[in-house]
Amino acid sequence: MNIKKHLNRIVTAAAVMLALGANTVSAQYVGYMNVYELDCATLVFGQGWGTGDLRATGDASITLQPNTNGYDDNPGDAFWRDNAGAGPGGNKCMQANYYQETVAPSLAAGTVVELSGWVDSNTLGADHTATAIINLFDGAYNFIDSTSAPLTAGQAFSVSMDLTARAGENLVIQSGFRTVGPTVPGDSAAAGTGVALRVGANTALGAGNSSAEDDPTGIPVLPLWGLLGLAGLIGFMGYRRKQA
């Protein structure tokens, strides 16, 4: 079994914000891959993954596509490829997580986590799905809670988590996007599909709020809250510790 280690490539972000009373925090996007059997339920392993290999790019304007390097980088390897099949096919389900993370040693009062935007297109086939997601962990990365929303072409998406009752707790908050489905050949039709979205936007391109940058309320730029630190290289969604 040839399992390659992929280093995180950190992309500067100006998108997802944590509303902390009068303050906000902007984090950086990183990648984490949970690799499953084709049932997309039996976890094999999880580790940091370069965002380029994850096939997720951008910050305010984001593109998500099915993973290809699991297939393309492992010729002849039945762990990754269904070599016994009639045609080329990936042999692992890839849960690709593209997210921002904030560590709060003592969560500020009145914290509400919000992630919203507009989906310009979604051409993913039936074997792949994409969602916006917020997950919450304690300081030891034990899973606490999660909320998600589908990314539907031509529609707004919004997820939020009210953490008012958790003021003062040691928490980790991760906000971002998840694409799930089999790894596919880079020259396949599936590899050319994907999702294009704009964080902070609330209408289609050319219809008023045409981009995240055009909406001054979509992406506030306010001072960082000094008590929060980034820990983006820690595993996404808590699978290394505890599943929900």
C-alpha atoms as a PDB file:
ATOM      1  CA  MET A   1       0.000   0.000   0.000  1.00  0.00           C
ATOM      2  CA  ASN A   2       1.593   3.220  -1.143  1.00  0.00           C
ATOM      3  CA  ILE A   3       0.342   6.020   1.119  1.00  0.00           C
ATOM      4  CA  LYS A   4       1.992   9.293   0.219  1.00  0.00           C
ATOM      5  CA  LYS A   5       2.421  12.087   2.716  1.00  0.00           C
ATOM      6  CA  HIS A   6       1.167  15.440   1.453  1.00  0.00           C
ATOM      7  CA  LEU A   7       2.317  18.639   3.127  1.00  0.00           C
ATOM      8  CA  ASN A   8      -0.180  21.444   3.685  1.00  0.00           C
ATOM      9  CA  ARG A   9       0.133  24.463   1.420  1.00  0.00           C
ATOM     10  CA  ILE A  10      -1.339  27.400   3.309  1.00  0.00           C
ATOM     11  CA  VAL A  11      -3.374  29.916   1.328  1.00  0.00           C
ATOM     12  CA  THR A  12      -3.920  33.403   2.746  1.00  0.00           C
ATOM     13  CA  ALA A  13      -7.651  33.893   3.302  1.00  0.00           C
ATOM     14  CA  ALA A  14      -9.876  36.933   3.634  1.00  0.00           C
ATOM     15  CA  ALA A  15     -13.132  35.081   3.835  1.00  0.00           C
ATOM     16  CA  VAL A  16     -14.612  33.145   6.744  1.00  0.00           C
ATOM     17  CA  MET A  17     -15.018  35.218   9.844  1.00  0.00           C
ATOM     18  CA  LEU A  18     -15.838  34.425  13.439  1.00  0.00           C
ATOM     19  CA  ALA A  19     -18.184  37.057  14.828  1.00  0.00           C
ATOM     20  CA  LEU A  20     -16.996  37.712  18.363  1.00  0.00           C
ATOM     21  CA  GLY A  21     -19.144  40.535  19.609  1.00  0.00           C
ATOM     22  CA  ALA A  22     -17.470  43.628  18.145  1.00  0.00           C
ATOM     23  CA  ASN A  23     -14.405  41.703  16.947  1.00  0.00           C
ATOM     24  CA  THR A  24     -13.669  39.230  14.155  1.00  0.00           C
ATOM     25  CA  VAL A  25     -10.947  36.747  13.355  1.00  0.00           C
ATOM     26  CA  SER A  26      -9.737  35.713   9.899  1.00  0.00           C
ATOM     27  CA  ALA A  27      -7.842  32.441   9.559  1.00  0.00           C
ATOM     28  CA  GLN A  28      -6.013  30.665   6.713  1.00  0.00           C
ATOM     29  CA  TYR A  29      -7.249  27.826   4.539  1.00  0.00           C
ATOM     30  CA  VAL A  30      -5.505  24.476   4.902  1.00  0.00           C
ATOM     31  CA  GLY A  31      -6.242  20.982   3.629  1.00  0.00           C
ATOM     32  CA  TYR A  32      -6.976  17.715   5.380  1.00  0.00           C
ATOM     33  CA  MET A  33      -7.971  14.437   3.748  1.00  0.00           C
ATOM     34  CA  ASN A  34      -9.873  11.600   5.373  1.00  0.00           C
ATOM     35  CA  VAL A  35      -9.504   8.510   3.179  1.00  0.00           C
ATOM     36  CA  TYR A  36     -12.293   5.917   3.318  1.00  0.00           C
ATOM     37  CA  GLU A  37     -13.129   2.674   1.601  1.00  0.00           C
ATOM     38  CA  LEU A  38     -15.546   3.156  -1.285  1.00  0.00           C
ATOM     39  CA  ASP A  39     -18.495   2.967   1.121  1.00  0.00           C
ATOM     40  CA  CYS A  40     -17.390   6.437   2.319  1.00  0.00           C
ATOM     41  CA  ALA A  41     -17.973   5.178   5.884  1.00  0.00           C
ATOM     42  CA  THR A  42     -15.010   2.922   6.718  1.00  0.00           C
ATOM     43  CA  LEU A  43     -12.129   5.217   7.648  1.00  0.00           C
ATOM     44  CA  VAL A  44      -8.669   4.086   6.507  1.00  0.00           C
ATOM     45  CA  PHE A  45      -6.557   7.079   7.532  1.00  0.00           C
ATOM     46  CA  GLY A  46      -6.534  10.862   7.699  1.00  0.00           C
ATOM     47  CA  GLN A  47      -3.724  13.389   7.317  1.00  0.00           C
ATOM     48  CA  GLY A  48      -2.825  16.878   6.186  1.00  0.00           C
ATOM     49  CA  TRP A  49      -3.065  17.288   2.412  1.00  0.00           C
ATOM     50  CA  GLY A  50      -1.738  20.011   0.157  1.00  0.00           C
ATOM     51  CA  THR A  51      -4.584  22.208  -1.035  1.00  0.00           C
ATOM     52  CA  GLY A  52      -3.492  21.811  -4.667  1.00  0.00           C
ATOM     53  CA  ASP A  53      -3.702  18.022  -4.354  1.00  0.00           C
ATOM     54  CA  LEU A  54      -6.915  18.439  -2.414  1.00  0.00           C
ATOM     55  CA  ARG A  55      -8.150  20.345  -5.502  1.00  0.00           C
ATOM     56  CA  ALA A  56      -9.526  23.263  -3.526  1.00  0.00           C
ATOM     57  CA  THR A  57      -8.411  26.822  -4.250  1.00  0.00           C
ATOM     58  CA  GLY A  58      -9.221  30.421  -3.396  1.00  0.00           C
ATOM     59  CA  ASP A  59     -10.412  32.362  -0.384  1.00  0.00           C
ATOM     60  CA  ALA A  60     -13.261  34.779  -1.167  1.00  0.00           C
ATOM     61  CA  SER A  61     -13.896  33.002  -4.487  1.00  0.00           C
ATOM     62  CA  ILE A  62     -13.442  29.259  -4.049  1.00  0.00           C
ATOM     63  CA  THR A  63     -13.326  26.280  -6.409  1.00  0.00           C
ATOM     64  CA  LEU A  64     -13.770  22.690  -5.210  1.00  0.00           C
ATOM     65  CA  GLN A  65     -13.119  19.666  -7.458  1.00  0.00           C
ATOM     66  CA  PRO A  66     -12.893  15.867  -7.064  1.00  0.00           C
ATOM     67  CA  ASN A  67      -9.530  14.519  -5.936  1.00  0.00           C
ATOM     68  CA  THR A  68      -7.267  13.112  -8.661  1.00  0.00           C
ATOM     69  CA  ASN A  69      -3.824  12.652  -7.127  1.00  0.00           C
ATOM     70  CA  GLY A  70      -4.893   9.601  -5.129  1.00  0.00           C
ATOM     71  CA  TYR A  71      -5.450   7.899  -8.482  1.00  0.00           C
ATOM     72  CA  ASP A  72      -2.861   9.561 -10.716  1.00  0.00           C
ATOM     73  CA  ASP A  73       0.068   9.304  -8.288  1.00  0.00           C
ATOM     74  CA  ASN A  74      -0.332   5.566  -7.700  1.00  0.00           C
ATOM     75  CA  PRO A  75      -0.237   3.593 -10.981  1.00  0.00           C
ATOM     76  CA  GLY A  76      -0.619  -0.141 -10.512  1.00  0.00           C
ATOM     77  CA  ASP A  77      -1.574   0.223  -6.843  1.00  0.00           C
ATOM     78  CA  ALA A  78      -4.810  -1.633  -6.085  1.00  0.00           C
ATOM     79  CA  PHE A  79      -5.127   0.253  -2.799  1.00  0.00           C
ATOM     80  CA  TRP A  80      -5.917   3.406  -4.780  1.00  0.00           C
ATOM     81  CA  ARG A  81      -7.120   1.969  -8.092  1.00  0.00           C
ATOM     82  CA  ASP A  82      -9.775  -0.576  -8.956  1.00  0.00           C
ATOM     83  CA  ASN A  83      -7.450  -2.358 -11.367  1.00  0.00           C
ATOM     84  CA  ALA A  84      -9.740  -5.390 -11.602  1.00  0.00           C
ATOM     85  CA  GLY A  85     -12.636  -3.325 -12.980  1.00  0.00           C
ATOM     86  CA  ALA A  86     -13.690  -3.015 -16.612  1.00  0.00           C
ATOM     87  CA  GLY A  87     -12.327   0.518 -16.758  1.00  0.00           C
ATOM     88  CA  PRO A  88     -10.271   2.945 -14.690  1.00  0.00           C
ATOM     89  CA  GLY A  89     -11.778   3.821 -11.352  1.00  0.00           C
ATOM     90  CA  GLY A  90     -10.660   5.042  -7.969  1.00  0.00           C
ATOM     91  CA  ASN A  91     -10.657   2.524  -5.137  1.00  0.00           C
ATOM     92  CA  LYS A  92     -10.932   4.973  -2.220  1.00  0.00           C
ATOM     93  CA  CYS A  93     -13.520   7.550  -1.167  1.00  0.00           C
ATOM     94  CA  MET A  94     -11.832  10.894  -0.475  1.00  0.00           C
ATOM     95  CA  GLN A  95     -13.263  13.314   2.074  1.00  0.00           C
ATOM     96  CA  ALA A  96     -11.428  16.497   1.109  1.00  0.00           C
ATOM     97  CA  ASN A  97     -11.633  19.231   3.754  1.00  0.00           C
ATOM     98  CA  TYR A  98     -10.671  22.833   2.966  1.00  0.00           C
ATOM     99  CA  TYR A  99     -11.032  24.915   6.069  1.00  0.00           C
ATOM    100  CA  GLN A 100      -9.996  27.683   8.411  1.00  0.00           C
ATOM    101  CA  GLU A 101      -9.302  27.006  12.071  1.00  0.00           C
ATOM    102  CA  THR A 102      -9.298  29.144  15.193  1.00  0.00           C
ATOM    103  CA  VAL A 103      -8.186  28.012  18.639  1.00  0.00           C
ATOM    104  CA  ALA A 104      -9.892  29.837  21.517  1.00  0.00           C
ATOM    105  CA  PRO A 105      -8.280  29.054  24.901  1.00  0.00           C
ATOM    106  CA  SER A 106     -11.116  30.983  26.547  1.00  0.00           C
ATOM    107  CA  LEU A 107     -14.000  31.664  24.170  1.00  0.00           C
ATOM    108  CA  ALA A 108     -15.233  35.241  24.175  1.00  0.00           C
ATOM    109  CA  ALA A 109     -18.764  35.985  25.330  1.00  0.00           C
ATOM    110  CA  GLY A 110     -21.349  36.317  22.584  1.00  0.00           C
ATOM    111  CA  THR A 111     -19.460  34.240  20.005  1.00  0.00           C
ATOM    112  CA  VAL A 112     -21.437  33.298  16.891  1.00  0.00           C
ATOM    113  CA  VAL A 113     -19.713  31.478  14.025  1.00  0.00           C
ATOM    114  CA  GLU A 114     -21.121  32.199  10.574  1.00  0.00           C
ATOM    115  CA  LEU A 115     -20.267  31.054   7.055  1.00  0.00           C
ATOM    116  CA  SER A 116     -22.388  32.083   4.075  1.00  0.00           C
ATOM    117  CA  GLY A 117     -22.135  32.861   0.402  1.00  0.00           C
ATOM    118  CA  TRP A 118     -23.405  32.113  -3.086  1.00  0.00           C
ATOM    119  CA  VAL A 119     -22.870  29.038  -5.271  1.00  0.00           C
ATOM    120  CA  ASP A 120     -22.295  30.114  -8.878  1.00  0.00           C
ATOM    121  CA  SER A 121     -22.097  26.567 -10.240  1.00  0.00           C
ATOM    122  CA  ASN A 122     -22.061  22.932  -9.177  1.00  0.00           C
ATOM    123  CA  THR A 123     -21.339  20.399 -11.906  1.00  0.00           C
ATOM    124  CA  LEU A 124     -20.384  17.503  -9.617  1.00  0.00           C
ATOM    125  CA  GLY A 125     -21.785  14.149 -10.661  1.00  0.00           C
ATOM    126  CA  ALA A 126     -23.859  11.794  -8.557  1.00  0.00           C
ATOM    127  CA  ASP A 127     -20.749  10.198  -7.003  1.00  0.00           C
ATOM    128  CA  HIS A 128     -19.522  13.451  -5.436  1.00  0.00           C
ATOM    129  CA  THR A 129     -21.027  15.917  -2.966  1.00  0.00           C
ATOM    130  CA  ALA A 130     -19.916  19.256  -1.543  1.00  0.00           C
ATOM    131  CA  THR A 131     -21.049  21.077   1.589  1.00  0.00           C
ATOM    132  CA  ALA A 132     -20.260  24.113   3.712  1.00  0.00           C
ATOM    133  CA  ILE A 133     -19.502  23.027   7.257  1.00  0.00           C
ATOM    134  CA  ILE A 134     -18.689  24.306  10.755  1.00  0.00           C
ATOM    135  CA  ASN A 135     -17.341  21.915  13.375  1.00  0.00           C
ATOM    136  CA  LEU A 136     -16.612  22.434  17.043  1.00  0.00           C
ATOM    137  CA  PHE A 137     -14.119  20.607  19.264  1.00  0.00           C
ATOM    138  CA  ASP A 138     -12.836  20.928  22.791  1.00  0.00           C
ATOM    139  CA  GLY A 139      -9.207  21.887  23.360  1.00  0.00           C
ATOM    140  CA  ALA A 140      -8.125  18.236  23.040  1.00  0.00           C
ATOM    141  CA  TYR A 141      -9.828  17.917  19.638  1.00  0.00           C
ATOM    142  CA  ASN A 142     -12.696  15.806  20.885  1.00  0.00           C
ATOM    143  CA  PHE A 143     -15.690  16.392  18.633  1.00  0.00           C
ATOM    144  CA  ILE A 144     -18.539  18.422  20.154  1.00  0.00           C
ATOM    145  CA  ASP A 145     -20.886  19.602  17.429  1.00  0.00           C
ATOM    146  CA  SER A 146     -21.283  20.169  13.695  1.00  0.00           C
ATOM    147  CA  THR A 147     -23.559  21.947  11.249  1.00  0.00           C
ATOM    148  CA  SER A 148     -23.530  21.875   7.456  1.00  0.00           C
ATOM    149  CA  ALA A 149     -25.382  23.019   4.350  1.00  0.00           C
ATOM    150  CA  PRO A 150     -25.396  21.729   0.756  1.00  0.00           C
ATOM    151  CA  LEU A 151     -23.798  23.754  -2.025  1.00  0.00           C
ATOM    152  CA  THR A 152     -26.548  24.042  -4.646  1.00  0.00           C
ATOM    153  CA  ALA A 153     -25.912  25.813  -7.953  1.00  0.00           C
ATOM    154  CA  GLY A 154     -27.597  29.209  -8.222  1.00  0.00           C
ATOM    155  CA  GLN A 155     -28.470  29.382  -4.544  1.00  0.00           C
ATOM    156  CA  ALA A 156     -27.163  30.979  -1.377  1.00  0.00           C
ATOM    157  CA  PHE A 157     -25.706  28.831   1.403  1.00  0.00           C
ATOM    158  CA  SER A 158     -25.495  29.625   5.093  1.00  0.00           C
ATOM    159  CA  VAL A 159     -24.346  27.794   8.210  1.00  0.00           C
ATOM    160  CA  SER A 160     -24.011  29.197  11.701  1.00  0.00           C
ATOM    161  CA  MET A 161     -23.317  28.066  15.243  1.00  0.00           C
ATOM    162  CA  ASP A 162     -24.294  30.077  18.314  1.00  0.00           C
ATOM    163  CA  LEU A 163     -21.683  29.512  21.024  1.00  0.00           C
ATOM    164  CA  THR A 164     -23.050  32.030  23.513  1.00  0.00           C
ATOM    165  CA  ALA A 165     -23.542  29.330  26.147  1.00  0.00           C
ATOM    166  CA  ARG A 166     -19.881  28.232  25.849  1.00  0.00           C
ATOM    167  CA  ALA A 167     -18.222  31.495  26.866  1.00  0.00           C
ATOM    168  CA  GLY A 168     -14.914  30.889  28.632  1.00  0.00           C
ATOM    169  CA  GLU A 169     -14.428  27.331  27.313  1.00  0.00           C
ATOM    170  CA  ASN A 170     -11.260  26.078  25.617  1.00  0.00           C
ATOM    171  CA  LEU A 171     -12.523  25.364  22.073  1.00  0.00           C
ATOM    172  CA  VAL A 172     -11.387  24.811  18.497  1.00  0.00           C
ATOM    173  CA  ILE A 173     -13.587  26.097  15.668  1.00  0.00           C
ATOM    174  CA  GLN A 174     -13.207  24.981  12.044  1.00  0.00           C
ATOM    175  CA  SER A 175     -15.155  26.556   9.179  1.00  0.00           C
ATOM    176  CA  GLY A 176     -14.929  25.626   5.527  1.00  0.00           C
ATOM    177  CA  PHE A 177     -15.925  23.230   2.787  1.00  0.00           C
ATOM    178  CA  ARG A 178     -15.978  19.482   2.251  1.00  0.00           C
ATOM    179  CA  THR A 179     -15.983  17.487  -0.979  1.00  0.00           C
ATOM    180  CA  VAL A 180     -16.682  13.744  -0.781  1.00  0.00           C
ATOM    181  CA  GLY A 181     -16.408  11.059  -3.456  1.00  0.00           C
ATOM    182  CA  PRO A 182     -14.034   8.596  -5.086  1.00  0.00           C
ATOM    183  CA  THR A 183     -10.606   9.635  -6.292  1.00  0.00           C
ATOM    184  CA  VAL A 184     -10.767   9.834 -10.109  1.00  0.00           C
ATOM    185  CA  PRO A 185      -8.303   9.864 -13.024  1.00  0.00           C
ATOM    186  CA  GLY A 186      -7.084  13.338 -13.883  1.00  0.00           C
ATOM    187  CA  ASP A 187      -8.128  12.896 -17.523  1.00  0.00           C
ATOM    188  CA  SER A 188     -11.657  11.711 -16.677  1.00  0.00           C
ATOM    189  CA  ALA A 189     -14.893  13.624 -17.178  1.00  0.00           C
ATOM    190  CA  ALA A 190     -15.436  13.600 -13.407  1.00  0.00           C
ATOM    191  CA  ALA A 191     -12.135  15.430 -12.866  1.00  0.00           C
ATOM    192  CA  GLY A 192     -13.471  18.378 -14.857  1.00  0.00           C
ATOM    193  CA  THR A 193     -16.504  18.872 -12.642  1.00  0.00           C
ATOM    194  CA  GLY A 194     -16.644  21.027  -9.525  1.00  0.00           C
ATOM    195  CA  VAL A 195     -18.182  23.786  -7.458  1.00  0.00           C
ATOM    196  CA  ALA A 196     -17.555  27.530  -7.799  1.00  0.00           C
ATOM    197  CA  LEU A 197     -18.706  29.708  -4.906  1.00  0.00           C
ATOM    198  CA  ARG A 198     -18.173  33.149  -3.402  1.00  0.00           C
ATOM    199  CA  VAL A 199     -17.980  33.577   0.367  1.00  0.00           C
ATOM    200  CA  GLY A 200     -19.976  36.601   1.569  1.00  0.00           C
ATOM    201  CA  ALA A 201     -21.941  37.052  -1.656  1.00  0.00           C
ATOM    202  CA  ASN A 202     -25.736  36.768  -1.641  1.00  0.00           C
ATOM    203  CA  THR A 203     -26.733  37.075  -5.298  1.00  0.00           C
ATOM    204  CA  ALA A 204     -25.669  35.768  -8.681  1.00  0.00           C
ATOM    205  CA  LEU A 205     -22.841  37.444 -10.555  1.00  0.00           C
ATOM    206  CA  GLY A 206     -24.066  40.649 -12.177  1.00  0.00           C
ATOM    207  CA  ALA A 207     -27.163  40.846  -9.983  1.00  0.00           C
ATOM    208  CA  GLY A 208     -26.328  43.518  -7.419  1.00  0.00           C
ATOM    209  CA  ASN A 209     -23.905  41.913  -5.001  1.00  0.00           C
ATOM    210  CA  SER A 210     -21.804  40.402  -7.776  1.00  0.00           C
ATOM    211  CA  SER A 211     -18.870  39.276  -5.653  1.00  0.00           C
ATOM    212  CA  ALA A 212     -17.787  38.785  -2.097  1.00  0.00           C
ATOM    213  CA  GLU A 213     -15.501  41.803  -2.368  1.00  0.00           C
ATOM    214  CA  ASP A 214     -18.397  44.030  -3.471  1.00  0.00           C
ATOM    215  CA  ASP A 215     -20.358  43.319  -0.313  1.00  0.00           C
ATOM    216  CA  PRO A 216     -18.949  45.322   2.621  1.00  0.00           C
ATOM    217  CA  THR A 217     -21.069  43.321   5.064  1.00  0.00           C
ATOM    218  CA  GLY A 218     -20.124  39.938   3.601  1.00  0.00           C
ATOM    219  CA  ILE A 219     -16.472  40.025   4.635  1.00  0.00           C
ATOM    220  CA  PRO A 220     -15.819  42.507   7.447  1.00  0.00           C
ATOM    221  CA  VAL A 221     -12.196  43.517   7.940  1.00  0.00           C
ATOM    222  CA  LEU A 222     -11.730  44.198  11.629  1.00  0.00           C
ATOM    223  CA  PRO A 223      -8.821  43.787  14.070  1.00  0.00           C
ATOM    224  CA  LEU A 224      -7.825  40.287  15.112  1.00  0.00           C
ATOM    225  CA  TRP A 225      -8.894  39.214  18.558  1.00  0.00           C
ATOM    226  CA  GLY A 226      -5.652  38.798  20.452  1.00  0.00           C
ATOM    227  CA  LEU A 227      -6.636  35.786  22.514  1.00  0.00           C
ATOM    228  CA  LEU A 228      -7.113  33.560  19.486  1.00  0.00           C
ATOM    229  CA  GLY A 229      -4.282  31.650  17.814  1.00  0.00           C
ATOM    230  CA  LEU A 230      -4.237  29.656  14.595  1.00  0.00           C
ATOM    231  CA  ALA A 231      -3.541  25.948  14.543  1.00  0.00           C
ATOM    232  CA  GLY A 232      -4.410  25.107  10.951  1.00  0.00           C
ATOM    233  CA  LEU A 233      -2.204  22.038  10.633  1.00  0.00           C
ATOM    234  CA  ILE A 234      -4.348  20.069  13.081  1.00  0.00           C
ATOM    235  CA  GLY A 235      -6.705  17.462  11.608  1.00  0.00           C
ATOM    236  CA  PHE A 236     -10.084  18.582  10.287  1.00  0.00           C
ATOM    237  CA  MET A 237     -13.384  17.408  11.728  1.00  0.00           C
ATOM    238  CA  GLY A 238     -11.857  15.521  14.661  1.00  0.00           C
ATOM    239  CA  TYR A 239     -11.537  12.109  13.007  1.00  0.00           C
ATOM    240  CA  ARG A 240      -8.113  11.616  14.548  1.00  0.00           C
ATOM    241  CA  ARG A 241      -9.668  11.866  17.972  1.00  0.00           C
ATOM    242  CA  LYS A 242     -13.317  11.008  18.017  1.00  0.00           C
ATOM    243  CA  GLN A 243     -16.105  10.740  15.477  1.00  0.00           C
ATOM    244  CA  ALA A 244     -19.585  12.118  16.016  1.00  0.00           C
END
